[in-house]
N, C-alpha and C. Protein backbone atom coordinates (compact mmCIF):
# COMPACT_ATOMS: atom_id res chain seq x y z
N MET A 1 0.64 -1.02 0.06
CA MET A 1 -0.05 0.02 -0.38
C MET A 1 1.49 0.94 0.52
N MET A 2 0.82 1.86 -0.40
CA MET A 2 1.33 3.47 -0.79
C MET A 2 0.54 4.10 0.60
N GLY A 3 2.13 5.52 1.32
CA GLY A 3 1.54 5.83 1.36
C GLY A 3 1.46 7.00 0.99
N CYS A 4 1.88 8.32 2.29
CA CYS A 4 1.60 9.66 1.39
C CYS A 4 2.84 10.42 1.10
N ASN A 5 3.88 9.49 1.23
CA ASN A 5 4.95 10.33 1.04
C ASN A 5 5.34 9.58 -0.28
N ALA A 6 4.35 7.91 -1.11
CA ALA A 6 5.24 7.43 -2.04
C ALA A 6 5.09 8.50 -3.30
N ARG A 7 5.41 7.88 -4.44
CA ARG A 7 6.42 8.56 -5.44
C ARG A 7 5.21 8.17 -6.73
N ILE A 8 4.58 8.39 -7.25
CA ILE A 8 3.52 7.75 -8.46
C ILE A 8 4.54 8.46 -9.69
N THR A 9 4.95 7.24 -10.29
CA THR A 9 5.94 6.74 -11.61
C THR A 9 4.52 7.10 -13.17
N ARG A 10 5.73 7.54 -13.78
CA ARG A 10 4.92 6.84 -14.63
C ARG A 10 4.54 6.50 -15.58
N GLY A 11 4.76 4.90 -15.48
CA GLY A 11 4.56 3.89 -15.37
C GLY A 11 3.13 3.49 -14.36
N SER A 12 3.03 4.09 -13.54
CA SER A 12 1.82 3.83 -12.21
C SER A 12 -0.03 4.70 -12.46
N ALA A 13 1.18 5.97 -13.57
CA ALA A 13 -0.29 6.99 -13.63
C ALA A 13 -1.02 6.08 -14.34
N ARG A 14 0.76 5.87 -15.60
CA ARG A 14 -0.57 5.38 -16.78
C ARG A 14 -1.48 3.34 -16.64
N ALA A 15 -1.41 3.03 -15.29
CA ALA A 15 -2.46 2.32 -15.07
C ALA A 15 -3.08 2.81 -14.68
N ILE A 16 -3.00 3.40 -13.67
CA ILE A 16 -4.20 4.45 -12.66
C ILE A 16 -5.68 4.82 -13.57
N GLY A 17 -4.80 5.65 -15.13
CA GLY A 17 -5.28 6.13 -15.47
C GLY A 17 -6.15 5.22 -16.41
N LEU A 18 -5.50 4.21 -16.74
CA LEU A 18 -6.12 2.63 -17.73
C LEU A 18 -7.11 1.91 -16.76
N ALA A 19 -7.15 2.19 -15.88
CA ALA A 19 -7.47 1.21 -15.39
C ALA A 19 -9.07 2.15 -14.17
N VAL A 20 -9.37 3.59 -14.29
CA VAL A 20 -10.39 4.69 -14.77
C VAL A 20 -10.84 4.04 -15.70
N CYS A 21 -9.74 4.03 -16.58
CA CYS A 21 -11.11 4.15 -18.56
C CYS A 21 -11.65 3.01 -18.18
N LEU A 22 -10.87 1.15 -17.73
CA LEU A 22 -11.29 0.15 -17.61
C LEU A 22 -12.61 0.55 -17.27
N LEU A 23 -12.97 0.60 -16.59
CA LEU A 23 -13.82 1.32 -15.38
C LEU A 23 -14.78 2.14 -15.93
N GLY A 24 -14.58 2.18 -15.84
CA GLY A 24 -15.85 3.72 -17.23
C GLY A 24 -16.18 2.70 -17.99
N ILE A 25 -15.34 2.34 -19.36
CA ILE A 25 -16.48 0.94 -20.44
C ILE A 25 -17.14 0.15 -19.79
N GLY A 26 -16.72 -0.24 -17.85
CA GLY A 26 -17.37 -1.26 -18.12
C GLY A 26 -18.66 -0.65 -17.94
N LEU A 27 -18.63 0.85 -17.21
CA LEU A 27 -19.77 1.76 -16.24
C LEU A 27 -20.67 2.46 -17.95
N GLY A 28 -20.32 2.01 -19.31
CA GLY A 28 -20.62 2.38 -20.36
C GLY A 28 -20.04 3.71 -20.39
N GLY A 29 -18.82 4.08 -20.90
CA GLY A 29 -18.17 4.67 -21.31
C GLY A 29 -16.82 5.18 -21.23
N CYS A 30 -16.18 5.78 -21.88
CA CYS A 30 -14.80 6.08 -22.11
C CYS A 30 -13.90 6.60 -22.69
N ARG A 31 -14.10 7.19 -23.55
CA ARG A 31 -13.02 7.57 -24.50
C ARG A 31 -12.69 8.44 -25.47
N PRO A 32 -11.46 8.78 -23.78
CA PRO A 32 -11.91 10.54 -23.41
C PRO A 32 -10.20 10.77 -24.87
N SER A 33 -10.33 10.13 -25.92
CA SER A 33 -9.06 10.72 -27.28
C SER A 33 -9.64 11.98 -27.74
N HIS A 34 -8.35 12.71 -28.52
CA HIS A 34 -8.44 14.41 -28.45
C HIS A 34 -10.06 13.60 -29.89
N GLU A 35 -9.52 13.03 -30.67
CA GLU A 35 -10.62 13.09 -31.91
C GLU A 35 -11.80 12.70 -31.83
N CYS A 36 -12.50 11.57 -30.29
CA CYS A 36 -13.97 11.70 -30.91
C CYS A 36 -13.84 13.40 -29.81
N GLU A 37 -13.27 13.96 -29.17
CA GLU A 37 -13.58 14.82 -28.48
C GLU A 37 -14.06 16.32 -30.05
N ALA A 38 -12.84 16.00 -30.68
CA ALA A 38 -13.23 16.82 -32.17
C ALA A 38 -14.02 16.64 -33.35
N SER A 39 -14.32 15.20 -32.90
CA SER A 39 -15.76 14.62 -33.61
C SER A 39 -17.12 15.28 -32.42
N ARG A 40 -16.99 15.26 -31.47
CA ARG A 40 -18.22 15.28 -31.33
C ARG A 40 -18.85 16.59 -31.42
N LEU A 41 -17.51 16.66 -31.24
CA LEU A 41 -18.42 18.87 -31.05
C LEU A 41 -18.38 20.14 -32.50
N GLU A 42 -17.89 18.63 -33.56
CA GLU A 42 -18.10 19.34 -34.53
C GLU A 42 -19.97 18.56 -35.27
N LEU A 43 -19.91 17.69 -34.75
CA LEU A 43 -21.19 17.52 -34.68
C LEU A 43 -22.15 18.00 -34.07
N VAL A 44 -22.07 18.69 -32.86
CA VAL A 44 -23.00 19.43 -32.73
C VAL A 44 -22.26 20.94 -33.64
N GLN A 45 -21.86 21.27 -34.30
CA GLN A 45 -21.81 22.78 -35.25
C GLN A 45 -22.77 22.09 -36.39
N THR A 46 -22.74 21.11 -36.62
CA THR A 46 -23.21 20.28 -37.73
C THR A 46 -24.80 20.68 -38.15
N TRP A 47 -25.19 20.69 -36.64
CA TRP A 47 -26.95 20.28 -36.30
C TRP A 47 -26.78 21.37 -35.64
N GLU A 48 -26.09 22.49 -35.36
CA GLU A 48 -27.01 23.51 -34.82
C GLU A 48 -27.50 24.45 -35.93
N THR A 49 -26.25 23.78 -37.26
CA THR A 49 -26.10 24.54 -38.95
C THR A 49 -27.15 24.06 -39.29
N LEU A 50 -27.49 23.23 -39.10
CA LEU A 50 -28.77 22.20 -39.60
C LEU A 50 -30.35 23.24 -39.27
N ARG A 51 -29.88 23.31 -37.91
CA ARG A 51 -31.81 23.41 -37.54
C ARG A 51 -31.47 24.75 -37.83
N ASN A 52 -29.94 25.87 -38.00
CA ASN A 52 -30.48 27.27 -37.90
C ASN A 52 -30.71 27.08 -39.81
N THR A 53 -30.76 26.24 -40.28
CA THR A 53 -31.90 26.49 -41.69
C THR A 53 -32.82 26.05 -41.77
N ALA A 54 -32.81 24.67 -40.84
CA ALA A 54 -35.14 24.79 -40.63
C ALA A 54 -34.92 26.25 -40.05
N THR A 55 -34.66 27.01 -38.99
CA THR A 55 -35.45 28.19 -39.06
C THR A 55 -35.93 28.97 -40.07
N SER A 56 -34.74 29.14 -40.67
CA SER A 56 -34.50 30.26 -42.22
C SER A 56 -35.33 29.67 -43.06
N ARG A 57 -35.58 28.10 -43.54
CA ARG A 57 -36.57 27.11 -44.18
C ARG A 57 -38.24 28.07 -43.71
N LYS A 58 -38.13 27.45 -42.84
CA LYS A 58 -39.41 27.99 -41.88
C LYS A 58 -40.82 29.76 -42.19
N GLN A 59 -39.20 30.87 -42.76
CA GLN A 59 -39.74 32.43 -43.46
C GLN A 59 -39.95 32.33 -44.60
N ILE A 60 -41.73 32.56 -44.40
CA ILE A 60 -42.88 32.92 -45.97
C ILE A 60 -41.84 33.66 -46.90
N PRO A 61 -41.07 34.21 -47.46
CA PRO A 61 -40.87 34.79 -48.57
C PRO A 61 -42.15 35.99 -48.58
N GLU A 62 -42.16 37.92 -48.88
CA GLU A 62 -43.16 38.43 -49.11
C GLU A 62 -44.23 38.02 -49.88
N VAL A 63 -43.31 37.59 -51.07
CA VAL A 63 -43.91 37.15 -52.43
C VAL A 63 -43.66 36.42 -52.82
N SER A 64 -44.70 35.14 -52.81
CA SER A 64 -44.67 33.84 -52.62
C SER A 64 -46.08 33.12 -53.17
N ASN A 65 -45.50 32.37 -53.69
CA ASN A 65 -47.16 31.96 -53.91
C ASN A 65 -47.73 30.78 -53.95
N LEU A 66 -47.64 30.61 -52.51
CA LEU A 66 -47.65 28.99 -51.61
C LEU A 66 -49.45 29.83 -50.65
N SER A 67 -50.10 28.66 -50.96
CA SER A 67 -51.77 29.55 -50.59
C SER A 67 -51.64 29.55 -49.10
N GLN A 68 -52.43 29.52 -48.27
CA GLN A 68 -52.58 29.38 -46.62
C GLN A 68 -52.35 28.23 -46.11
N ALA A 69 -53.17 27.12 -46.64
CA ALA A 69 -52.41 26.25 -46.42
C ALA A 69 -51.22 25.24 -46.54
N GLN A 70 -50.47 26.01 -47.80
CA GLN A 70 -48.25 25.34 -48.03
C GLN A 70 -47.72 25.75 -47.18
N GLU A 71 -48.65 27.54 -46.78
CA GLU A 71 -47.68 28.01 -45.85
C GLU A 71 -47.79 27.28 -44.39
N ALA A 72 -48.86 27.13 -44.55
CA ALA A 72 -49.33 26.82 -42.80
C ALA A 72 -48.00 25.18 -43.06
N GLU A 73 -48.60 24.22 -43.93
CA GLU A 73 -47.48 23.44 -44.13
C GLU A 73 -45.86 23.25 -44.24
N ARG A 74 -45.69 25.07 -44.49
CA ARG A 74 -44.57 24.44 -44.59
C ARG A 74 -43.47 25.04 -43.34
N ILE A 75 -44.22 25.58 -42.80
CA ILE A 75 -43.89 26.31 -41.38
C ILE A 75 -43.92 24.67 -40.36
N ARG A 76 -45.02 24.31 -40.38
CA ARG A 76 -45.33 23.04 -39.83
C ARG A 76 -44.26 21.50 -39.46
N THR A 77 -43.23 21.76 -41.17
CA THR A 77 -42.29 21.21 -41.27
C THR A 77 -41.58 20.92 -40.86
N TRP A 78 -40.62 22.08 -40.96
CA TRP A 78 -39.84 23.19 -40.78
C TRP A 78 -39.83 22.92 -39.51
N THR A 79 -40.30 23.38 -38.54
CA THR A 79 -40.55 23.44 -37.29
C THR A 79 -40.38 22.21 -36.81
N ALA A 80 -41.07 20.77 -36.93
CA ALA A 80 -40.41 19.81 -36.41
C ALA A 80 -38.87 19.28 -36.44
N ILE A 81 -38.25 20.23 -37.74
CA ILE A 81 -37.49 19.89 -38.51
C ILE A 81 -36.67 20.39 -37.85
N GLU A 82 -37.04 21.23 -37.47
CA GLU A 82 -35.58 22.60 -36.49
C GLU A 82 -35.68 22.35 -34.80
N ASP A 83 -36.68 21.80 -34.49
CA ASP A 83 -36.96 21.38 -32.88
C ASP A 83 -36.51 20.01 -33.07
N GLN A 84 -36.36 19.26 -33.36
CA GLN A 84 -35.27 18.11 -33.65
C GLN A 84 -34.53 17.58 -33.74
N SER A 85 -33.92 19.02 -34.74
CA SER A 85 -31.73 19.88 -34.80
C SER A 85 -31.90 19.59 -33.89
N GLU A 86 -32.08 20.67 -33.14
CA GLU A 86 -31.69 21.30 -31.95
C GLU A 86 -32.15 20.31 -30.66
N LEU A 87 -33.45 18.85 -30.77
CA LEU A 87 -32.16 18.10 -29.87
C LEU A 87 -31.11 16.96 -30.50
N MET A 88 -30.81 16.96 -31.89
CA MET A 88 -29.52 15.99 -31.40
C MET A 88 -28.51 16.43 -31.54
N ARG A 89 -28.54 18.32 -31.43
CA ARG A 89 -27.27 19.24 -30.95
C ARG A 89 -27.42 18.92 -29.59
N SER A 90 -28.05 19.02 -29.54
CA SER A 90 -28.22 19.04 -27.43
C SER A 90 -27.55 17.59 -26.90
N SER A 91 -27.93 16.70 -28.25
CA SER A 91 -27.34 15.62 -27.54
C SER A 91 -26.15 14.82 -27.68
N PHE A 92 -25.12 16.08 -27.96
CA PHE A 92 -23.56 15.74 -28.21
C PHE A 92 -22.79 16.76 -27.86
N GLU A 93 -24.27 17.89 -27.51
CA GLU A 93 -23.87 18.92 -26.80
C GLU A 93 -22.48 19.46 -25.25
N THR A 94 -22.95 17.70 -24.09
CA THR A 94 -21.40 17.65 -23.45
C THR A 94 -21.02 16.34 -24.26
N PRO A 95 -19.48 15.80 -22.90
CA PRO A 95 -19.29 14.47 -23.30
C PRO A 95 -19.72 13.42 -22.85
N GLN A 96 -20.37 13.05 -22.60
CA GLN A 96 -21.90 11.84 -21.93
C GLN A 96 -22.82 12.44 -23.38
N VAL A 97 -23.08 12.07 -24.49
CA VAL A 97 -23.81 12.03 -25.06
C VAL A 97 -24.35 10.74 -24.94
N THR A 98 -26.40 12.01 -25.38
CA THR A 98 -27.71 10.92 -25.25
C THR A 98 -28.33 10.50 -25.59
N TRP A 99 -27.42 8.93 -26.31
CA TRP A 99 -27.47 8.29 -27.14
C TRP A 99 -28.71 7.82 -28.14
N PRO A 100 -29.94 7.72 -27.19
CA PRO A 100 -31.54 7.60 -26.96
C PRO A 100 -32.31 8.48 -27.74
N SER A 101 -32.21 9.91 -27.30
CA SER A 101 -33.18 11.17 -27.40
C SER A 101 -31.52 11.21 -29.64
N ALA A 102 -31.41 11.12 -28.95
CA ALA A 102 -29.84 11.43 -30.21
C ALA A 102 -30.69 10.42 -31.59
N GLU A 103 -30.84 9.37 -32.11
CA GLU A 103 -31.63 8.45 -32.70
C GLU A 103 -33.27 8.60 -32.74
N LYS A 104 -33.93 9.31 -31.57
CA LYS A 104 -35.52 10.27 -32.01
C LYS A 104 -35.54 10.21 -32.17
N ALA A 105 -34.52 11.68 -32.30
CA ALA A 105 -34.31 12.81 -32.85
C ALA A 105 -34.04 12.93 -34.97
N ARG A 106 -33.84 11.54 -34.19
CA ARG A 106 -32.24 11.90 -35.70
C ARG A 106 -34.33 10.72 -37.44
N ALA A 107 -34.90 9.88 -36.29
CA ALA A 107 -35.72 8.86 -36.95
C ALA A 107 -36.89 10.91 -37.00
N ALA A 108 -37.26 10.89 -36.06
CA ALA A 108 -38.03 12.27 -35.92
C ALA A 108 -37.52 13.13 -36.55
N ILE A 109 -36.80 13.25 -37.84
CA ILE A 109 -37.10 14.32 -38.94
C ILE A 109 -36.47 14.03 -39.88
N ALA A 110 -36.19 12.76 -40.14
CA ALA A 110 -36.76 11.13 -40.85
C ALA A 110 -37.76 11.36 -41.95
N GLN A 111 -38.68 11.48 -40.45
CA GLN A 111 -40.38 11.38 -40.66
C GLN A 111 -40.74 12.64 -41.68
N ALA A 112 -40.14 14.15 -40.80
CA ALA A 112 -40.92 14.89 -41.03
C ALA A 112 -40.12 15.82 -42.52
N PHE A 113 -38.41 15.41 -42.51
CA PHE A 113 -39.02 15.34 -44.09
C PHE A 113 -39.05 15.06 -45.34
N LYS A 114 -39.75 13.18 -44.64
CA LYS A 114 -40.19 12.47 -46.41
C LYS A 114 -41.00 12.71 -47.11
N PRO A 115 -41.77 14.79 -46.87
CA PRO A 115 -43.09 14.08 -47.75
C PRO A 115 -41.82 15.38 -48.78
N ILE A 116 -41.24 17.01 -48.32
CA ILE A 116 -40.59 17.79 -48.90
C ILE A 116 -38.59 17.24 -49.72
N GLU A 117 -38.62 15.96 -49.05
CA GLU A 117 -37.14 16.09 -49.60
C GLU A 117 -37.26 14.97 -51.22
N GLY A 118 -37.93 14.88 -52.16
CA GLY A 118 -37.39 14.59 -52.79
C GLY A 118 -37.73 15.54 -54.56
N SER A 119 -38.12 16.74 -53.07
CA SER A 119 -39.57 18.47 -54.46
C SER A 119 -37.74 19.05 -55.30
N ASP A 120 -38.20 19.49 -56.38
CA ASP A 120 -37.48 19.84 -56.83
C ASP A 120 -37.18 21.17 -55.99
N ASP A 121 -37.05 21.99 -54.84
CA ASP A 121 -37.04 23.25 -54.32
C ASP A 121 -35.50 22.84 -53.77
N PRO A 122 -34.14 23.50 -54.77
CA PRO A 122 -33.29 23.88 -54.21
C PRO A 122 -32.51 23.76 -52.65
N MET A 123 -33.53 24.30 -52.07
CA MET A 123 -33.15 24.02 -50.57
C MET A 123 -33.27 23.20 -50.49
N ALA A 124 -34.78 22.03 -50.50
CA ALA A 124 -34.66 20.89 -49.83
C ALA A 124 -33.73 19.84 -50.43
N ARG A 125 -33.29 20.99 -51.29
CA ARG A 125 -31.82 19.54 -52.12
C ARG A 125 -30.31 20.09 -51.00
N GLY A 126 -30.94 21.10 -51.05
CA GLY A 126 -29.59 21.39 -50.70
C GLY A 126 -29.43 20.47 -48.79
N PHE A 127 -31.05 20.74 -47.69
CA PHE A 127 -30.48 20.64 -47.09
C PHE A 127 -31.00 19.21 -47.31
N ALA A 128 -30.55 18.01 -48.00
CA ALA A 128 -31.59 16.60 -48.20
C ALA A 128 -29.62 16.64 -47.67
N THR A 129 -28.83 17.63 -48.38
CA THR A 129 -27.22 17.21 -49.05
C THR A 129 -26.85 17.54 -47.89
N THR A 130 -26.80 18.52 -46.52
CA THR A 130 -25.93 18.47 -45.40
C THR A 130 -26.86 17.69 -44.46
N LEU A 131 -28.17 16.86 -44.52
CA LEU A 131 -28.35 16.28 -43.43
C LEU A 131 -27.75 14.30 -44.00
N GLY A 132 -27.64 14.48 -45.15
CA GLY A 132 -26.82 13.03 -45.86
C GLY A 132 -25.17 13.35 -44.99
N GLU A 133 -24.68 14.58 -45.36
CA GLU A 133 -22.76 14.80 -44.68
C GLU A 133 -23.51 14.35 -42.95
N ALA A 134 -24.31 14.45 -42.78
CA ALA A 134 -24.32 14.95 -41.31
C ALA A 134 -25.03 13.56 -40.96
N ASP A 135 -25.47 12.50 -40.81
CA ASP A 135 -25.42 11.23 -40.68
C ASP A 135 -24.00 10.79 -41.24
N LYS A 136 -23.27 10.36 -42.39
CA LYS A 136 -22.02 10.39 -42.53
C LYS A 136 -21.56 10.20 -41.30
N GLN A 137 -21.19 12.06 -40.34
CA GLN A 137 -20.34 12.04 -39.63
C GLN A 137 -21.19 11.65 -38.46
N LEU A 138 -22.47 10.90 -38.30
CA LEU A 138 -23.13 10.74 -37.33
C LEU A 138 -22.66 9.42 -36.77
N ASP A 139 -22.72 8.33 -38.16
CA ASP A 139 -22.41 6.85 -37.74
C ASP A 139 -20.43 7.33 -38.18
N LEU A 140 -19.52 8.43 -38.22
CA LEU A 140 -18.52 7.83 -37.35
C LEU A 140 -17.62 7.44 -36.06
N PHE A 141 -18.77 8.62 -35.81
CA PHE A 141 -18.29 9.18 -34.67
C PHE A 141 -18.73 7.56 -34.24
N ARG A 142 -20.41 7.11 -34.04
CA ARG A 142 -20.31 6.17 -33.53
C ARG A 142 -19.79 4.55 -33.45
N GLN A 143 -18.94 4.71 -34.89
CA GLN A 143 -18.37 3.12 -34.68
C GLN A 143 -16.92 3.88 -34.02
N LYS A 144 -16.50 5.49 -34.26
CA LYS A 144 -15.58 5.03 -33.14
C LYS A 144 -15.53 6.09 -32.09
N CYS A 145 -16.48 5.87 -32.04
CA CYS A 145 -16.27 6.72 -30.08
C CYS A 145 -17.07 6.19 -29.46
N ARG A 146 -18.24 5.29 -29.98
CA ARG A 146 -19.41 5.03 -28.71
C ARG A 146 -18.62 4.18 -28.03
């Protein structure tokens, strides 16, 4: 047993760190790599961009050929996407990722986006492209850091 004056060597510090990490893995987490942290922060930024895009898409231009029903549907759709994108962003806000919330929010985004996904609207196509890139980032993060 180590006394108060015991020296912690580099090797024993590594062993302690490894033990703490292995304990963390056993409890469901411990991926302290800088790469994972950078990827997590990138996901936060990506989902914030998607949320902001959805927020801007809710706006109806003054000169619009949309009926009131179409305007209401557009606002409903993009509000749902905006809300779920915020949930995605917040799921990755801290190192303790909330995977169940993220997975539910991502499924809700897919459902909300489905009616406009194949439209000729360039903004919807751009959003779909960005969403696809976000999914690739998410998959890589899940594989490397979960």
